[in-house]
Amino acid sequence: MNFNVIIDWKSFLAIGATAVGIILVTKIDSAAAKEVLIQAIDTCGNLAIVDNSNC
């Protein structure tokens, strides 16, 4: 029997984001966590805009 396991990079990204989220919830106060999450959302938005541009 042959088993092929294919792991996409998005699954690693999701696991990493989950780990970071757990660390944020347990270690950082709410104001600092808010700032970190706002920065992460802005960064993802900027990357999405750059990725979809045809320059």
PDB file of N, CA and C in Angstrom:
ATOM      1  N   MET A   1       0.832  -1.177   0.000  1.00  0.00           N
ATOM      2  CA  MET A   1       0.000   0.000   0.000  1.00  0.00           C
ATOM      3  C   MET A   1       0.878   1.242   0.000  1.00  0.00           C
ATOM      4  N   ASN A   2       0.528   2.141  -0.854  1.00  0.00           N
ATOM      5  CA  ASN A   2       1.231   3.409  -0.911  1.00  0.00           C
ATOM      6  C   ASN A   2       0.337   4.507  -0.344  1.00  0.00           C
ATOM      7  N   PHE A   3       0.899   5.287   0.540  1.00  0.00           N
ATOM      8  CA  PHE A   3       0.185   6.425   1.097  1.00  0.00           C
ATOM      9  C   PHE A   3       0.941   7.687   0.735  1.00  0.00           C
ATOM     10  N   ASN A   4       0.256   8.610   0.121  1.00  0.00           N
ATOM     11  CA  ASN A   4       0.845   9.904  -0.187  1.00  0.00           C
ATOM     12  C   ASN A   4       0.238  10.944   0.739  1.00  0.00           C
ATOM     13  N   VAL A   5       1.107  11.671   1.416  1.00  0.00           N
ATOM     14  CA  VAL A   5       0.655  12.733   2.314  1.00  0.00           C
ATOM     15  C   VAL A   5       1.132  14.053   1.735  1.00  0.00           C
ATOM     16  N   ILE A   6       0.193  14.906   1.452  1.00  0.00           N
ATOM     17  CA  ILE A   6       0.518  16.227   0.918  1.00  0.00           C
ATOM     18  C   ILE A   6       0.066  17.261   1.941  1.00  0.00           C
ATOM     19  N   ILE A   7       1.002  18.049   2.415  1.00  0.00           N
ATOM     20  CA  ILE A   7       0.690  19.089   3.391  1.00  0.00           C
ATOM     21  C   ILE A   7       0.903  20.436   2.713  1.00  0.00           C
ATOM     22  N   ASP A   8      -0.147  21.206   2.676  1.00  0.00           N
ATOM     23  CA  ASP A   8      -0.104  22.514   2.030  1.00  0.00           C
ATOM     24  C   ASP A   8       0.509  23.537   2.986  1.00  0.00           C
ATOM     25  N   TRP A   9       1.125  24.565   2.442  1.00  0.00           N
ATOM     26  CA  TRP A   9       1.741  25.596   3.269  1.00  0.00           C
ATOM     27  C   TRP A   9       0.692  26.339   4.084  1.00  0.00           C
ATOM     28  N   LYS A  10      -0.534  26.361   3.613  1.00  0.00           N
ATOM     29  CA  LYS A  10      -1.590  27.065   4.336  1.00  0.00           C
ATOM     30  C   LYS A  10      -1.914  26.374   5.655  1.00  0.00           C
ATOM     31  N   SER A  11      -1.750  25.059   5.704  1.00  0.00           N
ATOM     32  CA  SER A  11      -1.997  24.360   6.966  1.00  0.00           C
ATOM     33  C   SER A  11      -0.943  24.741   8.002  1.00  0.00           C
ATOM     34  N   PHE A  12       0.316  24.881   7.591  1.00  0.00           N
ATOM     35  CA  PHE A  12       1.353  25.333   8.513  1.00  0.00           C
ATOM     36  C   PHE A  12       1.085  26.759   8.969  1.00  0.00           C
ATOM     37  N   LEU A  13       0.613  27.589   8.062  1.00  0.00           N
ATOM     38  CA  LEU A  13       0.275  28.960   8.414  1.00  0.00           C
ATOM     39  C   LEU A  13      -0.852  28.998   9.431  1.00  0.00           C
ATOM     40  N   ALA A  14      -1.860  28.164   9.250  1.00  0.00           N
ATOM     41  CA  ALA A  14      -2.979  28.116  10.192  1.00  0.00           C
ATOM     42  C   ALA A  14      -2.528  27.625  11.562  1.00  0.00           C
ATOM     43  N   ILE A  15      -1.664  26.624  11.588  1.00  0.00           N
ATOM     44  CA  ILE A  15      -1.153  26.113  12.869  1.00  0.00           C
ATOM     45  C   ILE A  15      -0.331  27.190  13.573  1.00  0.00           C
ATOM     46  N   GLY A  16       0.493  27.894  12.827  1.00  0.00           N
ATOM     47  CA  GLY A  16       1.292  28.975  13.411  1.00  0.00           C
ATOM     48  C   GLY A  16       0.434  30.111  13.926  1.00  0.00           C
ATOM     49  N   ALA A  17      -0.594  30.479  13.164  1.00  0.00           N
ATOM     50  CA  ALA A  17      -1.492  31.551  13.607  1.00  0.00           C
ATOM     51  C   ALA A  17      -2.245  31.150  14.865  1.00  0.00           C
ATOM     52  N   THR A  18      -2.618  29.895  14.952  1.00  0.00           N
ATOM     53  CA  THR A  18      -3.292  29.408  16.153  1.00  0.00           C
ATOM     54  C   THR A  18      -2.369  29.477  17.368  1.00  0.00           C
ATOM     55  N   ALA A  19      -1.125  29.068  17.180  1.00  0.00           N
ATOM     56  CA  ALA A  19      -0.164  29.118  18.290  1.00  0.00           C
ATOM     57  C   ALA A  19       0.073  30.557  18.739  1.00  0.00           C
ATOM     58  N   VAL A  20       0.220  31.457  17.799  1.00  0.00           N
ATOM     59  CA  VAL A  20       0.421  32.867  18.146  1.00  0.00           C
ATOM     60  C   VAL A  20      -0.805  33.419  18.850  1.00  0.00           C
ATOM     61  N   GLY A  21      -1.993  33.043  18.398  1.00  0.00           N
ATOM     62  CA  GLY A  21      -3.220  33.496  19.044  1.00  0.00           C
ATOM     63  C   GLY A  21      -3.322  33.020  20.477  1.00  0.00           C
ATOM     64  N   ILE A  22      -2.951  31.778  20.715  1.00  0.00           N
ATOM     65  CA  ILE A  22      -2.982  31.249  22.084  1.00  0.00           C
ATOM     66  C   ILE A  22      -1.986  31.982  22.969  1.00  0.00           C
ATOM     67  N   ILE A  23      -0.810  32.254  22.454  1.00  0.00           N
ATOM     68  CA  ILE A  23       0.195  32.982  23.231  1.00  0.00           C
ATOM     69  C   ILE A  23      -0.292  34.390  23.525  1.00  0.00           C
ATOM     70  N   LEU A  24      -0.915  35.042  22.536  1.00  0.00           N
ATOM     71  CA  LEU A  24      -1.445  36.387  22.762  1.00  0.00           C
ATOM     72  C   LEU A  24      -2.496  36.395  23.868  1.00  0.00           C
ATOM     73  N   VAL A  25      -3.360  35.407  23.838  1.00  0.00           N
ATOM     74  CA  VAL A  25      -4.442  35.363  24.819  1.00  0.00           C
ATOM     75  C   VAL A  25      -3.904  35.125  26.225  1.00  0.00           C
ATOM     76  N   THR A  26      -2.884  34.308  26.342  1.00  0.00           N
ATOM     77  CA  THR A  26      -2.423  33.936  27.676  1.00  0.00           C
ATOM     78  C   THR A  26      -1.360  34.864  28.249  1.00  0.00           C
ATOM     79  N   LYS A  27      -0.570  35.511  27.425  1.00  0.00           N
ATOM     80  CA  LYS A  27       0.589  36.234  27.942  1.00  0.00           C
ATOM     81  C   LYS A  27       0.474  37.757  27.888  1.00  0.00           C
ATOM     82  N   ILE A  28      -0.282  38.309  26.956  1.00  0.00           N
ATOM     83  CA  ILE A  28      -0.246  39.744  26.713  1.00  0.00           C
ATOM     84  C   ILE A  28      -1.534  40.380  27.229  1.00  0.00           C
ATOM     85  N   ASP A  29      -1.427  41.598  27.761  1.00  0.00           N
ATOM     86  CA  ASP A  29      -2.626  42.301  28.196  1.00  0.00           C
ATOM     87  C   ASP A  29      -3.469  42.719  26.990  1.00  0.00           C
ATOM     88  N   SER A  30      -4.695  43.077  27.235  1.00  0.00           N
ATOM     89  CA  SER A  30      -5.655  43.287  26.145  1.00  0.00           C
ATOM     90  C   SER A  30      -5.275  44.453  25.236  1.00  0.00           C
ATOM     91  N   ALA A  31      -4.718  45.522  25.777  1.00  0.00           N
ATOM     92  CA  ALA A  31      -4.353  46.675  24.945  1.00  0.00           C
ATOM     93  C   ALA A  31      -3.226  46.320  23.976  1.00  0.00           C
ATOM     94  N   ALA A  32      -2.230  45.603  24.468  1.00  0.00           N
ATOM     95  CA  ALA A  32      -1.123  45.206  23.604  1.00  0.00           C
ATOM     96  C   ALA A  32      -1.579  44.191  22.561  1.00  0.00           C
ATOM     97  N   ALA A  33      -2.449  43.263  22.965  1.00  0.00           N
ATOM     98  CA  ALA A  33      -2.966  42.284  22.007  1.00  0.00           C
ATOM     99  C   ALA A  33      -3.759  42.964  20.914  1.00  0.00           C
ATOM    100  N   LYS A  34      -4.526  43.978  21.274  1.00  0.00           N
ATOM    101  CA  LYS A  34      -5.308  44.733  20.281  1.00  0.00           C
ATOM    102  C   LYS A  34      -4.384  45.381  19.260  1.00  0.00           C
ATOM    103  N   GLU A  35      -3.306  46.001  19.714  1.00  0.00           N
ATOM    104  CA  GLU A  35      -2.362  46.655  18.808  1.00  0.00           C
ATOM    105  C   GLU A  35      -1.683  45.633  17.884  1.00  0.00           C
ATOM    106  N   VAL A  36      -1.312  44.487  18.431  1.00  0.00           N
ATOM    107  CA  VAL A  36      -0.672  43.450  17.621  1.00  0.00           C
ATOM    108  C   VAL A  36      -1.632  42.938  16.551  1.00  0.00           C
ATOM    109  N   LEU A  37      -2.883  42.695  16.934  1.00  0.00           N
ATOM    110  CA  LEU A  37      -3.857  42.189  15.973  1.00  0.00           C
ATOM    111  C   LEU A  37      -4.184  43.219  14.897  1.00  0.00           C
ATOM    112  N   ILE A  38      -4.273  44.486  15.267  1.00  0.00           N
ATOM    113  CA  ILE A  38      -4.510  45.541  14.270  1.00  0.00           C
ATOM    114  C   ILE A  38      -3.360  45.592  13.280  1.00  0.00           C
ATOM    115  N   GLN A  39      -2.128  45.498  13.777  1.00  0.00           N
ATOM    116  CA  GLN A  39      -0.955  45.511  12.890  1.00  0.00           C
ATOM    117  C   GLN A  39      -0.957  44.300  11.965  1.00  0.00           C
ATOM    118  N   ALA A  40      -1.310  43.128  12.487  1.00  0.00           N
ATOM    119  CA  ALA A  40      -1.338  41.919  11.672  1.00  0.00           C
ATOM    120  C   ALA A  40      -2.408  42.014  10.585  1.00  0.00           C
ATOM    121  N   ILE A  41      -3.573  42.549  10.930  1.00  0.00           N
ATOM    122  CA  ILE A  41      -4.646  42.707   9.939  1.00  0.00           C
ATOM    123  C   ILE A  41      -4.236  43.694   8.863  1.00  0.00           C
ATOM    124  N   ASP A  42      -3.612  44.806   9.250  1.00  0.00           N
ATOM    125  CA  ASP A  42      -3.144  45.781   8.264  1.00  0.00           C
ATOM    126  C   ASP A  42      -2.093  45.169   7.340  1.00  0.00           C
ATOM    127  N   THR A  43      -1.186  44.391   7.899  1.00  0.00           N
ATOM    128  CA  THR A  43      -0.152  43.748   7.089  1.00  0.00           C
ATOM    129  C   THR A  43      -0.758  42.766   6.094  1.00  0.00           C
ATOM    130  N   CYS A  44      -1.708  41.961   6.554  1.00  0.00           N
ATOM    131  CA  CYS A  44      -2.363  41.011   5.644  1.00  0.00           C
ATOM    132  C   CYS A  44      -3.125  41.732   4.548  1.00  0.00           C
ATOM    133  N   GLY A  45      -3.776  42.828   4.902  1.00  0.00           N
ATOM    134  CA  GLY A  45      -4.489  43.609   3.894  1.00  0.00           C
ATOM    135  C   GLY A  45      -3.549  44.188   2.852  1.00  0.00           C
ATOM    136  N   ASN A  46      -2.410  44.709   3.311  1.00  0.00           N
ATOM    137  CA  ASN A  46      -1.429  45.255   2.370  1.00  0.00           C
ATOM    138  C   ASN A  46      -0.855  44.168   1.473  1.00  0.00           C
ATOM    139  N   LEU A  47      -0.595  43.000   2.027  1.00  0.00           N
ATOM    140  CA  LEU A  47      -0.078  41.901   1.209  1.00  0.00           C
ATOM    141  C   LEU A  47      -1.108  41.444   0.178  1.00  0.00           C
ATOM    142  N   ALA A  48      -2.377  41.449   0.549  1.00  0.00           N
ATOM    143  CA  ALA A  48      -3.425  41.056  -0.387  1.00  0.00           C
ATOM    144  C   ALA A  48      -3.531  42.061  -1.525  1.00  0.00           C
ATOM    145  N   ILE A  49      -3.392  43.350  -1.216  1.00  0.00           N
ATOM    146  CA  ILE A  49      -3.454  44.370  -2.256  1.00  0.00           C
ATOM    147  C   ILE A  49      -2.259  44.233  -3.197  1.00  0.00           C
ATOM    148  N   VAL A  50      -1.074  44.030  -2.642  1.00  0.00           N
ATOM    149  CA  VAL A  50       0.131  43.888  -3.467  1.00  0.00           C
ATOM    150  C   VAL A  50       0.047  42.619  -4.308  1.00  0.00           C
ATOM    151  N   ASP A  51      -0.463  41.536  -3.738  1.00  0.00           N
ATOM    152  CA  ASP A  51      -0.545  40.269  -4.439  1.00  0.00           C
ATOM    153  C   ASP A  51      -1.513  40.345  -5.621  1.00  0.00           C
ATOM    154  N   ASN A  52      -2.576  41.127  -5.494  1.00  0.00           N
ATOM    155  CA  ASN A  52      -3.581  41.218  -6.554  1.00  0.00           C
ATOM    156  C   ASN A  52      -3.281  42.298  -7.586  1.00  0.00           C
ATOM    157  N   SER A  53      -2.261  43.095  -7.375  1.00  0.00           N
ATOM    158  CA  SER A  53      -1.946  44.164  -8.333  1.00  0.00           C
ATOM    159  C   SER A  53      -1.231  43.577  -9.546  1.00  0.00           C
ATOM    160  N   ASN A  54      -1.338  44.274 -10.659  1.00  0.00           N
ATOM    161  CA  ASN A  54      -0.724  43.802 -11.909  1.00  0.00           C
ATOM    162  C   ASN A  54       0.442  44.689 -12.323  1.00  0.00           C
ATOM    163  N   CYS A  55       1.134  45.266 -11.369  1.00  0.00           N
ATOM    164  CA  CYS A  55       2.248  46.162 -11.687  1.00  0.00           C
ATOM    165  C   CYS A  55       3.442  45.396 -12.175  1.00  0.00           C
TER     166      CYS A  55
END
